[in-house]
PDB file of N, CA and C in Angstrom:
ATOM      1  N   MET A   1       5.404  11.819 -24.103  1.00  0.00           N
ATOM      2  CA  MET A   1       4.568  11.132 -23.155  1.00  0.00           C
ATOM      3  C   MET A   1       5.368  10.632 -21.962  1.00  0.00           C
ATOM      4  N   SER A   2       6.606  10.168 -22.187  1.00  0.00           N
ATOM      5  CA  SER A   2       7.376   9.666 -21.059  1.00  0.00           C
ATOM      6  C   SER A   2       7.703  10.775 -20.070  1.00  0.00           C
ATOM      7  N   ALA A   3       7.834  12.024 -20.535  1.00  0.00           N
ATOM      8  CA  ALA A   3       8.068  13.130 -19.606  1.00  0.00           C
ATOM      9  C   ALA A   3       6.861  13.315 -18.697  1.00  0.00           C
ATOM     10  N   GLN A   4       5.646  13.185 -19.248  1.00  0.00           N
ATOM     11  CA  GLN A   4       4.448  13.282 -18.427  1.00  0.00           C
ATOM     12  C   GLN A   4       4.409  12.149 -17.412  1.00  0.00           C
ATOM     13  N   ARG A   5       4.747  10.958 -17.858  1.00  0.00           N
ATOM     14  CA  ARG A   5       4.728   9.808 -16.966  1.00  0.00           C
ATOM     15  C   ARG A   5       5.739  10.006 -15.841  1.00  0.00           C
ATOM     16  N   SER A   6       6.924  10.497 -16.185  1.00  0.00           N
ATOM     17  CA  SER A   6       7.961  10.734 -15.193  1.00  0.00           C
ATOM     18  C   SER A   6       7.493  11.779 -14.176  1.00  0.00           C
ATOM     19  N   ASP A   7       6.914  12.881 -14.647  1.00  0.00           N
ATOM     20  CA  ASP A   7       6.417  13.919 -13.741  1.00  0.00           C
ATOM     21  C   ASP A   7       5.362  13.350 -12.810  1.00  0.00           C
ATOM     22  N   TRP A   8       4.467  12.530 -13.343  1.00  0.00           N
ATOM     23  CA  TRP A   8       3.424  11.907 -12.530  1.00  0.00           C
ATOM     24  C   TRP A   8       4.055  11.043 -11.450  1.00  0.00           C
ATOM     25  N   ARG A   9       5.063  10.249 -11.808  1.00  0.00           N
ATOM     26  CA  ARG A   9       5.741   9.380 -10.846  1.00  0.00           C
ATOM     27  C   ARG A   9       6.402  10.207  -9.748  1.00  0.00           C
ATOM     28  N   GLU A  10       7.041  11.317 -10.137  1.00  0.00           N
ATOM     29  CA  GLU A  10       7.693  12.168  -9.133  1.00  0.00           C
ATOM     30  C   GLU A  10       6.671  12.752  -8.170  1.00  0.00           C
ATOM     31  N   ARG A  11       5.532  13.193  -8.683  1.00  0.00           N
ATOM     32  CA  ARG A  11       4.486  13.734  -7.803  1.00  0.00           C
ATOM     33  C   ARG A  11       3.961  12.653  -6.870  1.00  0.00           C
ATOM     34  N   LEU A  12       3.825  11.447  -7.385  1.00  0.00           N
ATOM     35  CA  LEU A  12       3.332  10.342  -6.570  1.00  0.00           C
ATOM     36  C   LEU A  12       4.280  10.109  -5.397  1.00  0.00           C
ATOM     37  N   HIS A  13       5.577  10.091  -5.671  1.00  0.00           N
ATOM     38  CA  HIS A  13       6.553   9.858  -4.615  1.00  0.00           C
ATOM     39  C   HIS A  13       6.548  11.004  -3.610  1.00  0.00           C
ATOM     40  N   ALA A  14       6.292  12.203  -4.072  1.00  0.00           N
ATOM     41  CA  ALA A  14       6.358  13.372  -3.206  1.00  0.00           C
ATOM     42  C   ALA A  14       5.070  13.610  -2.422  1.00  0.00           C
ATOM     43  N   ASN A  15       3.976  12.961  -2.784  1.00  0.00           N
ATOM     44  CA  ASN A  15       2.697  13.273  -2.159  1.00  0.00           C
ATOM     45  C   ASN A  15       1.942  12.044  -1.654  1.00  0.00           C
ATOM     46  N   PRO A  16       2.526  11.301  -0.718  1.00  0.00           N
ATOM     47  CA  PRO A  16       1.736  10.192  -0.168  1.00  0.00           C
ATOM     48  C   PRO A  16       0.574  10.753   0.640  1.00  0.00           C
ATOM     49  N   SER A  17      -0.468   9.960   0.783  1.00  0.00           N
ATOM     50  CA  SER A  17      -1.617  10.415   1.561  1.00  0.00           C
ATOM     51  C   SER A  17      -1.231  10.550   3.029  1.00  0.00           C
ATOM     52  N   ARG A  18      -2.030  11.273   3.772  1.00  0.00           N
ATOM     53  CA  ARG A  18      -1.783  11.409   5.204  1.00  0.00           C
ATOM     54  C   ARG A  18      -1.786  10.038   5.879  1.00  0.00           C
ATOM     55  N   MET A  19      -2.711   9.168   5.447  1.00  0.00           N
ATOM     56  CA  MET A  19      -2.783   7.839   6.035  1.00  0.00           C
ATOM     57  C   MET A  19      -1.475   7.091   5.792  1.00  0.00           C
ATOM     58  N   GLU A  20      -0.948   7.155   4.562  1.00  0.00           N
ATOM     59  CA  GLU A  20       0.317   6.488   4.250  1.00  0.00           C
ATOM     60  C   GLU A  20       1.456   7.062   5.083  1.00  0.00           C
ATOM     61  N   GLN A  21       1.500   8.383   5.241  1.00  0.00           N
ATOM     62  CA  GLN A  21       2.547   9.017   6.039  1.00  0.00           C
ATOM     63  C   GLN A  21       2.501   8.540   7.486  1.00  0.00           C
ATOM     64  N   GLU A  22       1.316   8.503   8.056  1.00  0.00           N
ATOM     65  CA  GLU A  22       1.165   8.106   9.457  1.00  0.00           C
ATOM     66  C   GLU A  22       1.520   6.629   9.651  1.00  0.00           C
ATOM     67  N   LEU A  23       1.120   5.785   8.712  1.00  0.00           N
ATOM     68  CA  LEU A  23       1.477   4.367   8.807  1.00  0.00           C
ATOM     69  C   LEU A  23       2.994   4.193   8.705  1.00  0.00           C
ATOM     70  N   ALA A  24       3.627   4.957   7.825  1.00  0.00           N
ATOM     71  CA  ALA A  24       5.085   4.892   7.675  1.00  0.00           C
ATOM     72  C   ALA A  24       5.782   5.312   8.971  1.00  0.00           C
ATOM     73  N   ILE A  25       5.282   6.330   9.622  1.00  0.00           N
ATOM     74  CA  ILE A  25       5.859   6.774  10.898  1.00  0.00           C
ATOM     75  C   ILE A  25       5.781   5.655  11.930  1.00  0.00           C
ATOM     76  N   ASN A  26       4.636   4.985  11.996  1.00  0.00           N
ATOM     77  CA  ASN A  26       4.486   3.875  12.940  1.00  0.00           C
ATOM     78  C   ASN A  26       5.454   2.744  12.619  1.00  0.00           C
ATOM     79  N   LEU A  27       5.576   2.401  11.344  1.00  0.00           N
ATOM     80  CA  LEU A  27       6.500   1.332  10.955  1.00  0.00           C
ATOM     81  C   LEU A  27       7.934   1.690  11.338  1.00  0.00           C
ATOM     82  N   GLU A  28       8.325   2.923  11.083  1.00  0.00           N
ATOM     83  CA  GLU A  28       9.671   3.357  11.436  1.00  0.00           C
ATOM     84  C   GLU A  28       9.868   3.324  12.943  1.00  0.00           C
ATOM     85  N   HIS A  29       8.879   3.784  13.680  1.00  0.00           N
ATOM     86  CA  HIS A  29       8.957   3.769  15.139  1.00  0.00           C
ATOM     87  C   HIS A  29       9.172   2.353  15.671  1.00  0.00           C
ATOM     88  N   ASP A  30       8.505   1.386  15.063  1.00  0.00           N
ATOM     89  CA  ASP A  30       8.633  -0.009  15.482  1.00  0.00           C
ATOM     90  C   ASP A  30       9.793  -0.729  14.789  1.00  0.00           C
ATOM     91  N   ARG A  31      10.594   0.033  14.033  1.00  0.00           N
ATOM     92  CA  ARG A  31      11.790  -0.492  13.351  1.00  0.00           C
ATOM     93  C   ARG A  31      11.466  -1.666  12.424  1.00  0.00           C
ATOM     94  N   ILE A  32      10.369  -1.515  11.693  1.00  0.00           N
ATOM     95  CA  ILE A  32       9.965  -2.529  10.721  1.00  0.00           C
ATOM     96  C   ILE A  32      10.439  -2.081   9.348  1.00  0.00           C
ATOM     97  N   HIS A  33      11.258  -2.914   8.720  1.00  0.00           N
ATOM     98  CA  HIS A  33      11.814  -2.590   7.402  1.00  0.00           C
ATOM     99  C   HIS A  33      10.721  -2.677   6.335  1.00  0.00           C
ATOM    100  N   TYR A  34      10.634  -1.657   5.517  1.00  0.00           N
ATOM    101  CA  TYR A  34       9.684  -1.628   4.407  1.00  0.00           C
ATOM    102  C   TYR A  34      10.225  -0.702   3.335  1.00  0.00           C
ATOM    103  N   LEU A  35       9.648  -0.813   2.175  1.00  0.00           N
ATOM    104  CA  LEU A  35       9.889   0.124   1.089  1.00  0.00           C
ATOM    105  C   LEU A  35       8.546   0.745   0.758  1.00  0.00           C
ATOM    106  N   THR A  36       8.544   1.924   0.179  1.00  0.00           N
ATOM    107  CA  THR A  36       7.289   2.566  -0.174  1.00  0.00           C
ATOM    108  C   THR A  36       7.313   3.023  -1.620  1.00  0.00           C
ATOM    109  N   GLN A  37       6.136   3.052  -2.218  1.00  0.00           N
ATOM    110  CA  GLN A  37       5.979   3.461  -3.610  1.00  0.00           C
ATOM    111  C   GLN A  37       6.879   2.632  -4.527  1.00  0.00           C
ATOM    112  N   VAL A  38       6.972   1.346  -4.250  1.00  0.00           N
ATOM    113  CA  VAL A  38       7.767   0.435  -5.059  1.00  0.00           C
ATOM    114  C   VAL A  38       7.025   0.135  -6.359  1.00  0.00           C
ATOM    115  N   GLU A  39       7.704   0.308  -7.459  1.00  0.00           N
ATOM    116  CA  GLU A  39       7.098   0.013  -8.752  1.00  0.00           C
ATOM    117  C   GLU A  39       7.274  -1.459  -9.061  1.00  0.00           C
ATOM    118  N   ILE A  40       6.164  -2.144  -9.160  1.00  0.00           N
ATOM    119  CA  ILE A  40       6.124  -3.535  -9.563  1.00  0.00           C
ATOM    120  C   ILE A  40       5.644  -3.479 -11.003  1.00  0.00           C
ATOM    121  N   PRO A  41       6.055  -4.387 -11.866  1.00  0.00           N
ATOM    122  CA  PRO A  41       5.741  -4.233 -13.287  1.00  0.00           C
ATOM    123  C   PRO A  41       4.323  -3.766 -13.633  1.00  0.00           C
ATOM    124  N   VAL A  42       3.337  -4.086 -12.833  1.00  0.00           N
ATOM    125  CA  VAL A  42       1.968  -3.701 -13.193  1.00  0.00           C
ATOM    126  C   VAL A  42       1.319  -2.745 -12.187  1.00  0.00           C
ATOM    127  N   ALA A  43       2.065  -2.320 -11.153  1.00  0.00           N
ATOM    128  CA  ALA A  43       1.448  -1.483 -10.112  1.00  0.00           C
ATOM    129  C   ALA A  43       2.522  -0.748  -9.329  1.00  0.00           C
ATOM    130  N   THR A  44       2.080   0.171  -8.488  1.00  0.00           N
ATOM    131  CA  THR A  44       2.952   0.821  -7.524  1.00  0.00           C
ATOM    132  C   THR A  44       2.417   0.509  -6.140  1.00  0.00           C
ATOM    133  N   ALA A  45       3.237  -0.139  -5.332  1.00  0.00           N
ATOM    134  CA  ALA A  45       2.823  -0.537  -3.983  1.00  0.00           C
ATOM    135  C   ALA A  45       2.973   0.636  -3.025  1.00  0.00           C
ATOM    136  N   ASP A  46       1.994   0.818  -2.148  1.00  0.00           N
ATOM    137  CA  ASP A  46       2.128   1.848  -1.124  1.00  0.00           C
ATOM    138  C   ASP A  46       3.191   1.432  -0.107  1.00  0.00           C
ATOM    139  N   PHE A  47       3.176   0.172   0.268  1.00  0.00           N
ATOM    140  CA  PHE A  47       4.211  -0.390   1.140  1.00  0.00           C
ATOM    141  C   PHE A  47       4.586  -1.763   0.601  1.00  0.00           C
ATOM    142  N   TYR A  48       5.878  -2.049   0.637  1.00  0.00           N
ATOM    143  CA  TYR A  48       6.388  -3.317   0.136  1.00  0.00           C
ATOM    144  C   TYR A  48       7.314  -3.898   1.199  1.00  0.00           C
ATOM    145  N   PHE A  49       7.016  -5.120   1.606  1.00  0.00           N
ATOM    146  CA  PHE A  49       7.817  -5.805   2.600  1.00  0.00           C
ATOM    147  C   PHE A  49       8.494  -6.992   1.907  1.00  0.00           C
ATOM    148  N   PRO A  50       9.818  -6.925   1.738  1.00  0.00           N
ATOM    149  CA  PRO A  50      10.537  -7.963   0.993  1.00  0.00           C
ATOM    150  C   PRO A  50      10.735  -9.231   1.833  1.00  0.00           C
ATOM    151  N   LEU A  51       9.644  -9.918   2.102  1.00  0.00           N
ATOM    152  CA  LEU A  51       9.672 -11.120   2.933  1.00  0.00           C
ATOM    153  C   LEU A  51       9.881 -12.359   2.080  1.00  0.00           C
ATOM    154  N   GLU A  52      10.484 -13.356   2.668  1.00  0.00           N
ATOM    155  CA  GLU A  52      10.657 -14.640   1.996  1.00  0.00           C
ATOM    156  C   GLU A  52       9.660 -15.628   2.568  1.00  0.00           C
ATOM    157  N   PRO A  53       9.094 -16.496   1.835  1.00  0.00           N
ATOM    158  CA  PRO A  53       9.307 -16.675   0.400  1.00  0.00           C
ATOM    159  C   PRO A  53       8.404 -15.793  -0.441  1.00  0.00           C
ATOM    160  N   ARG A  54       7.411 -15.115   0.180  1.00  0.00           N
ATOM    161  CA  ARG A  54       6.467 -14.307  -0.600  1.00  0.00           C
ATOM    162  C   ARG A  54       6.430 -12.883  -0.059  1.00  0.00           C
ATOM    163  N   PRO A  55       6.881 -11.906  -0.852  1.00  0.00           N
ATOM    164  CA  PRO A  55       6.811 -10.518  -0.421  1.00  0.00           C
ATOM    165  C   PRO A  55       5.362 -10.089  -0.165  1.00  0.00           C
ATOM    166  N   LEU A  56       5.206  -9.143   0.747  1.00  0.00           N
ATOM    167  CA  LEU A  56       3.892  -8.588   1.070  1.00  0.00           C
ATOM    168  C   LEU A  56       3.777  -7.201   0.458  1.00  0.00           C
ATOM    169  N   ILE A  57       2.713  -6.995  -0.306  1.00  0.00           N
ATOM    170  CA  ILE A  57       2.414  -5.690  -0.886  1.00  0.00           C
ATOM    171  C   ILE A  57       1.178  -5.149  -0.178  1.00  0.00           C
ATOM    172  N   VAL A  58       1.280  -3.904   0.288  1.00  0.00           N
ATOM    173  CA  VAL A  58       0.160  -3.266   0.983  1.00  0.00           C
ATOM    174  C   VAL A  58      -0.318  -2.088   0.150  1.00  0.00           C
ATOM    175  N   PHE A  59      -1.621  -2.077  -0.104  1.00  0.00           N
ATOM    176  CA  PHE A  59      -2.270  -0.951  -0.772  1.00  0.00           C
ATOM    177  C   PHE A  59      -3.156  -0.251   0.255  1.00  0.00           C
ATOM    178  N   VAL A  60      -2.959   1.051   0.413  1.00  0.00           N
ATOM    179  CA  VAL A  60      -3.769   1.857   1.319  1.00  0.00           C
ATOM    180  C   VAL A  60      -4.679   2.697   0.436  1.00  0.00           C
ATOM    181  N   ASP A  61      -5.962   2.331   0.418  1.00  0.00           N
ATOM    182  CA  ASP A  61      -6.896   2.917  -0.539  1.00  0.00           C
ATOM    183  C   ASP A  61      -7.978   3.741   0.125  1.00  0.00           C
ATOM    184  N   GLY A  62      -8.153   4.944  -0.403  1.00  0.00           N
ATOM    185  CA  GLY A  62      -9.201   5.834   0.067  1.00  0.00           C
ATOM    186  C   GLY A  62     -10.479   5.672  -0.741  1.00  0.00           C
ATOM    187  N   ARG A  63     -11.316   6.683  -0.657  1.00  0.00           N
ATOM    188  CA  ARG A  63     -12.660   6.632  -1.251  1.00  0.00           C
ATOM    189  C   ARG A  63     -12.709   6.290  -2.731  1.00  0.00           C
ATOM    190  N   VAL A  64     -11.774   6.811  -3.500  1.00  0.00           N
ATOM    191  CA  VAL A  64     -11.815   6.596  -4.952  1.00  0.00           C
ATOM    192  C   VAL A  64     -11.792   5.109  -5.292  1.00  0.00           C
ATOM    193  N   HIS A  65     -11.175   4.315  -4.437  1.00  0.00           N
ATOM    194  CA  HIS A  65     -11.091   2.872  -4.698  1.00  0.00           C
ATOM    195  C   HIS A  65     -12.374   2.138  -4.351  1.00  0.00           C
ATOM    196  N   LEU A  66     -13.317   2.818  -3.742  1.00  0.00           N
ATOM    197  CA  LEU A  66     -14.597   2.200  -3.408  1.00  0.00           C
ATOM    198  C   LEU A  66     -15.590   2.275  -4.567  1.00  0.00           C
ATOM    199  N   LYS A  67     -15.271   3.105  -5.567  1.00  0.00           N
ATOM    200  CA  LYS A  67     -16.140   3.194  -6.745  1.00  0.00           C
ATOM    201  C   LYS A  67     -16.043   1.899  -7.539  1.00  0.00           C
ATOM    202  N   ARG A  68     -17.154   1.483  -8.099  1.00  0.00           N
ATOM    203  CA  ARG A  68     -17.223   0.191  -8.793  1.00  0.00           C
ATOM    204  C   ARG A  68     -16.167   0.030  -9.884  1.00  0.00           C
ATOM    205  N   SER A  69     -16.031   1.029 -10.739  1.00  0.00           N
ATOM    206  CA  SER A  69     -15.079   0.910 -11.855  1.00  0.00           C
ATOM    207  C   SER A  69     -13.645   0.760 -11.337  1.00  0.00           C
ATOM    208  N   GLN A  70     -13.294   1.512 -10.317  1.00  0.00           N
ATOM    209  CA  GLN A  70     -11.941   1.419  -9.764  1.00  0.00           C
ATOM    210  C   GLN A  70     -11.747   0.104  -9.020  1.00  0.00           C
ATOM    211  N   SER A  71     -12.760  -0.343  -8.303  1.00  0.00           N
ATOM    212  CA  SER A  71     -12.614  -1.597  -7.552  1.00  0.00           C
ATOM    213  C   SER A  71     -12.439  -2.793  -8.497  1.00  0.00           C
ATOM    214  N   ILE A  72     -13.069  -2.743  -9.659  1.00  0.00           N
ATOM    215  CA  ILE A  72     -12.884  -3.816 -10.656  1.00  0.00           C
ATOM    216  C   ILE A  72     -11.439  -3.818 -11.154  1.00  0.00           C
ATOM    217  N   LYS A  73     -10.906  -2.629 -11.474  1.00  0.00           N
ATOM    218  CA  LYS A  73      -9.507  -2.523 -11.926  1.00  0.00           C
ATOM    219  C   LYS A  73      -8.556  -3.011 -10.834  1.00  0.00           C
ATOM    220  N   ASP A  74      -8.831  -2.584  -9.596  1.00  0.00           N
ATOM    221  CA  ASP A  74      -7.977  -2.988  -8.479  1.00  0.00           C
ATOM    222  C   ASP A  74      -7.962  -4.505  -8.313  1.00  0.00           C
ATOM    223  N   GLU A  75      -9.120  -5.116  -8.386  1.00  0.00           N
ATOM    224  CA  GLU A  75      -9.203  -6.567  -8.196  1.00  0.00           C
ATOM    225  C   GLU A  75      -8.464  -7.320  -9.308  1.00  0.00           C
ATOM    226  N   GLU A  76      -8.585  -6.848 -10.538  1.00  0.00           N
ATOM    227  CA  GLU A  76      -7.858  -7.489 -11.639  1.00  0.00           C
ATOM    228  C   GLU A  76      -6.350  -7.406 -11.415  1.00  0.00           C
ATOM    229  N   LEU A  77      -5.889  -6.230 -11.039  1.00  0.00           N
ATOM    230  CA  LEU A  77      -4.474  -6.007 -10.801  1.00  0.00           C
ATOM    231  C   LEU A  77      -3.973  -6.876  -9.648  1.00  0.00           C
ATOM    232  N   ARG A  78      -4.706  -6.901  -8.575  1.00  0.00           N
ATOM    233  CA  ARG A  78      -4.261  -7.629  -7.389  1.00  0.00           C
ATOM    234  C   ARG A  78      -4.329  -9.138  -7.586  1.00  0.00           C
ATOM    235  N   THR A  79      -5.273  -9.585  -8.388  1.00  0.00           N
ATOM    236  CA  THR A  79      -5.324 -11.011  -8.744  1.00  0.00           C
ATOM    237  C   THR A  79      -4.068 -11.384  -9.520  1.00  0.00           C
ATOM    238  N   LEU A  80      -3.667 -10.542 -10.452  1.00  0.00           N
ATOM    239  CA  LEU A  80      -2.447 -10.772 -11.222  1.00  0.00           C
ATOM    240  C   LEU A  80      -1.227 -10.827 -10.296  1.00  0.00           C
ATOM    241  N   LEU A  81      -1.155  -9.909  -9.339  1.00  0.00           N
ATOM    242  CA  LEU A  81      -0.030  -9.899  -8.401  1.00  0.00           C
ATOM    243  C   LEU A  81       0.002 -11.162  -7.549  1.00  0.00           C
ATOM    244  N   ARG A  82      -1.175 -11.612  -7.118  1.00  0.00           N
ATOM    245  CA  ARG A  82      -1.237 -12.862  -6.336  1.00  0.00           C
ATOM    246  C   ARG A  82      -0.722 -14.036  -7.173  1.00  0.00           C
ATOM    247  N   LYS A  83      -1.109 -14.061  -8.446  1.00  0.00           N
ATOM    248  CA  LYS A  83      -0.649 -15.129  -9.332  1.00  0.00           C
ATOM    249  C   LYS A  83       0.864 -15.088  -9.510  1.00  0.00           C
ATOM    250  N   ARG A  84       1.444 -13.911  -9.370  1.00  0.00           N
ATOM    251  CA  ARG A  84       2.902 -13.764  -9.483  1.00  0.00           C
ATOM    252  C   ARG A  84       3.614 -14.071  -8.165  1.00  0.00           C
ATOM    253  N   GLY A  85       2.866 -14.467  -7.146  1.00  0.00           N
ATOM    254  CA  GLY A  85       3.476 -14.909  -5.904  1.00  0.00           C
ATOM    255  C   GLY A  85       3.510 -13.916  -4.764  1.00  0.00           C
ATOM    256  N   TYR A  86       2.914 -12.754  -4.957  1.00  0.00           N
ATOM    257  CA  TYR A  86       2.888 -11.762  -3.885  1.00  0.00           C
ATOM    258  C   TYR A  86       1.713 -12.011  -2.944  1.00  0.00           C
ATOM    259  N   ARG A  87       1.912 -11.692  -1.677  1.00  0.00           N
ATOM    260  CA  ARG A  87       0.784 -11.617  -0.744  1.00  0.00           C
ATOM    261  C   ARG A  87       0.290 -10.178  -0.805  1.00  0.00           C
ATOM    262  N   ILE A  88      -1.018 -10.002  -0.809  1.00  0.00           N
ATOM    263  CA  ILE A  88      -1.616  -8.677  -0.954  1.00  0.00           C
ATOM    264  C   ILE A  88      -2.442  -8.351   0.287  1.00  0.00           C
ATOM    265  N   LEU A  89      -2.239  -7.165   0.812  1.00  0.00           N
ATOM    266  CA  LEU A  89      -3.074  -6.651   1.900  1.00  0.00           C
ATOM    267  C   LEU A  89      -3.702  -5.360   1.407  1.00  0.00           C
ATOM    268  N   GLU A  90      -5.028  -5.346   1.371  1.00  0.00           N
ATOM    269  CA  GLU A  90      -5.773  -4.169   0.927  1.00  0.00           C
ATOM    270  C   GLU A  90      -6.376  -3.495   2.150  1.00  0.00           C
ATOM    271  N   LEU A  91      -5.992  -2.257   2.363  1.00  0.00           N
ATOM    272  CA  LEU A  91      -6.498  -1.492   3.503  1.00  0.00           C
ATOM    273  C   LEU A  91      -7.333  -0.330   2.980  1.00  0.00           C
ATOM    274  N   TYR A  92      -8.566  -0.265   3.442  1.00  0.00           N
ATOM    275  CA  TYR A  92      -9.486   0.780   2.987  1.00  0.00           C
ATOM    276  C   TYR A  92      -9.840   1.724   4.125  1.00  0.00           C
ATOM    277  N   TYR A  93     -10.037   2.973   3.745  1.00  0.00           N
ATOM    278  CA  TYR A  93     -10.553   3.960   4.698  1.00  0.00           C
ATOM    279  C   TYR A  93     -11.324   5.008   3.921  1.00  0.00           C
ATOM    280  N   GLU A  94     -12.355   5.536   4.555  1.00  0.00           N
ATOM    281  CA  GLU A  94     -13.137   6.585   3.897  1.00  0.00           C
ATOM    282  C   GLU A  94     -12.626   7.964   4.266  1.00  0.00           C
ATOM    283  N   VAL A  95     -12.301   8.158   5.537  1.00  0.00           N
ATOM    284  CA  VAL A  95     -11.715   9.414   6.000  1.00  0.00           C
ATOM    285  C   VAL A  95     -10.611   9.087   6.993  1.00  0.00           C
ATOM    286  N   TYR A  96      -9.655   9.991   7.087  1.00  0.00           N
ATOM    287  CA  TYR A  96      -8.563   9.777   8.030  1.00  0.00           C
ATOM    288  C   TYR A  96      -9.046  10.036   9.453  1.00  0.00           C
ATOM    289  N   THR A  97      -8.791   9.103  10.332  1.00  0.00           N
ATOM    290  CA  THR A  97      -8.945   9.311  11.769  1.00  0.00           C
ATOM    291  C   THR A  97      -7.799   8.556  12.442  1.00  0.00           C
ATOM    292  N   ASP A  98      -7.418   9.005  13.625  1.00  0.00           N
ATOM    293  CA  ASP A  98      -6.363   8.301  14.350  1.00  0.00           C
ATOM    294  C   ASP A  98      -6.786   6.872  14.656  1.00  0.00           C
ATOM    295  N   LYS A  99      -8.043   6.684  14.984  1.00  0.00           N
ATOM    296  CA  LYS A  99      -8.539   5.342  15.297  1.00  0.00           C
ATOM    297  C   LYS A  99      -8.415   4.423  14.076  1.00  0.00           C
ATOM    298  N   ARG A 100      -8.825   4.929  12.900  1.00  0.00           N
ATOM    299  CA  ARG A 100      -8.747   4.105  11.686  1.00  0.00           C
ATOM    300  C   ARG A 100      -7.289   3.827  11.331  1.00  0.00           C
ATOM    301  N   ARG A 101      -6.434   4.840  11.477  1.00  0.00           N
ATOM    302  CA  ARG A 101      -5.007   4.641  11.223  1.00  0.00           C
ATOM    303  C   ARG A 101      -4.467   3.507  12.095  1.00  0.00           C
ATOM    304  N   ASP A 102      -4.814   3.521  13.378  1.00  0.00           N
ATOM    305  CA  ASP A 102      -4.338   2.485  14.292  1.00  0.00           C
ATOM    306  C   ASP A 102      -4.876   1.108  13.913  1.00  0.00           C
ATOM    307  N   GLN A 103      -6.124   1.051  13.447  1.00  0.00           N
ATOM    308  CA  GLN A 103      -6.698  -0.222  13.002  1.00  0.00           C
ATOM    309  C   GLN A 103      -5.938  -0.756  11.785  1.00  0.00           C
ATOM    310  N   LEU A 104      -5.664   0.123  10.835  1.00  0.00           N
ATOM    311  CA  LEU A 104      -4.942  -0.288   9.634  1.00  0.00           C
ATOM    312  C   LEU A 104      -3.528  -0.748   9.989  1.00  0.00           C
ATOM    313  N   TYR A 105      -2.911  -0.033  10.921  1.00  0.00           N
ATOM    314  CA  TYR A 105      -1.562  -0.413  11.337  1.00  0.00           C
ATOM    315  C   TYR A 105      -1.559  -1.798  11.980  1.00  0.00           C
ATOM    316  N   GLU A 106      -2.555  -2.072  12.778  1.00  0.00           N
ATOM    317  CA  GLU A 106      -2.661  -3.397  13.401  1.00  0.00           C
ATOM    318  C   GLU A 106      -2.825  -4.485  12.339  1.00  0.00           C
ATOM    319  N   GLU A 107      -3.557  -4.183  11.269  1.00  0.00           N
ATOM    320  CA  GLU A 107      -3.706  -5.148  10.175  1.00  0.00           C
ATOM    321  C   GLU A 107      -2.362  -5.423   9.497  1.00  0.00           C
ATOM    322  N   ILE A 108      -1.544  -4.376   9.340  1.00  0.00           N
ATOM    323  CA  ILE A 108      -0.210  -4.576   8.763  1.00  0.00           C
ATOM    324  C   ILE A 108       0.614  -5.470   9.691  1.00  0.00           C
ATOM    325  N   LEU A 109       0.615  -5.159  10.979  1.00  0.00           N
ATOM    326  CA  LEU A 109       1.374  -5.970  11.932  1.00  0.00           C
ATOM    327  C   LEU A 109       0.919  -7.417  11.913  1.00  0.00           C
ATOM    328  N   ASP A 110      -0.395  -7.636  11.870  1.00  0.00           N
ATOM    329  CA  ASP A 110      -0.926  -8.996  11.819  1.00  0.00           C
ATOM    330  C   ASP A 110      -0.411  -9.734  10.586  1.00  0.00           C
ATOM    331  N   SER A 111      -0.406  -9.043   9.447  1.00  0.00           N
ATOM    332  CA  SER A 111       0.056  -9.673   8.195  1.00  0.00           C
ATOM    333  C   SER A 111       1.550  -9.986   8.237  1.00  0.00           C
ATOM    334  N   LEU A 112       2.275  -9.244   9.055  1.00  0.00           N
ATOM    335  CA  LEU A 112       3.711  -9.483   9.209  1.00  0.00           C
ATOM    336  C   LEU A 112       4.000 -10.496  10.314  1.00  0.00           C
ATOM    337  N   GLY A 113       2.945 -10.919  11.019  1.00  0.00           N
ATOM    338  CA  GLY A 113       3.120 -11.855  12.126  1.00  0.00           C
ATOM    339  C   GLY A 113       3.734 -11.196  13.342  1.00  0.00           C
ATOM    340  N   ARG A 114       3.479  -9.909  13.496  1.00  0.00           N
ATOM    341  CA  ARG A 114       4.039  -9.141  14.622  1.00  0.00           C
ATOM    342  C   ARG A 114       2.911  -8.575  15.452  1.00  0.00           C
ATOM    343  N   THR A 115       3.245  -8.209  16.667  1.00  0.00           N
ATOM    344  CA  THR A 115       2.291  -7.527  17.539  1.00  0.00           C
ATOM    345  C   THR A 115       2.952  -6.272  18.063  1.00  0.00           C
ATOM    346  N   ARG A 116       2.159  -5.400  18.563  1.00  0.00           N
ATOM    347  CA  ARG A 116       2.674  -4.137  19.084  1.00  0.00           C
ATOM    348  C   ARG A 116       2.980  -4.238  20.534  1.00  0.00           C
TER     349      ARG A 116
END
């Protein structure tokens, strides 16, 4: 079973969504330090900002996260992370568009206290 889990983790690292890739490009362009696909004991963060005193975890969620069963799981997980001291930013999109990407990026900047 651990071999399956390892293979799954490797695929996850190798296949970020287009939205995640585009957001990462913007962050790099603006020289904002972040980590991606960081494994936290109960989750994998799409973006992790090691800020003091409370790190920021960003989840970039597509359509599958809008389903009721998944949204319940997500909320339980994120509540647990908040209790552990993390700040959580949940970014949703239904389809990729440049406009939506830019909106999500602005939300990340706002959460970091930065402007473009």
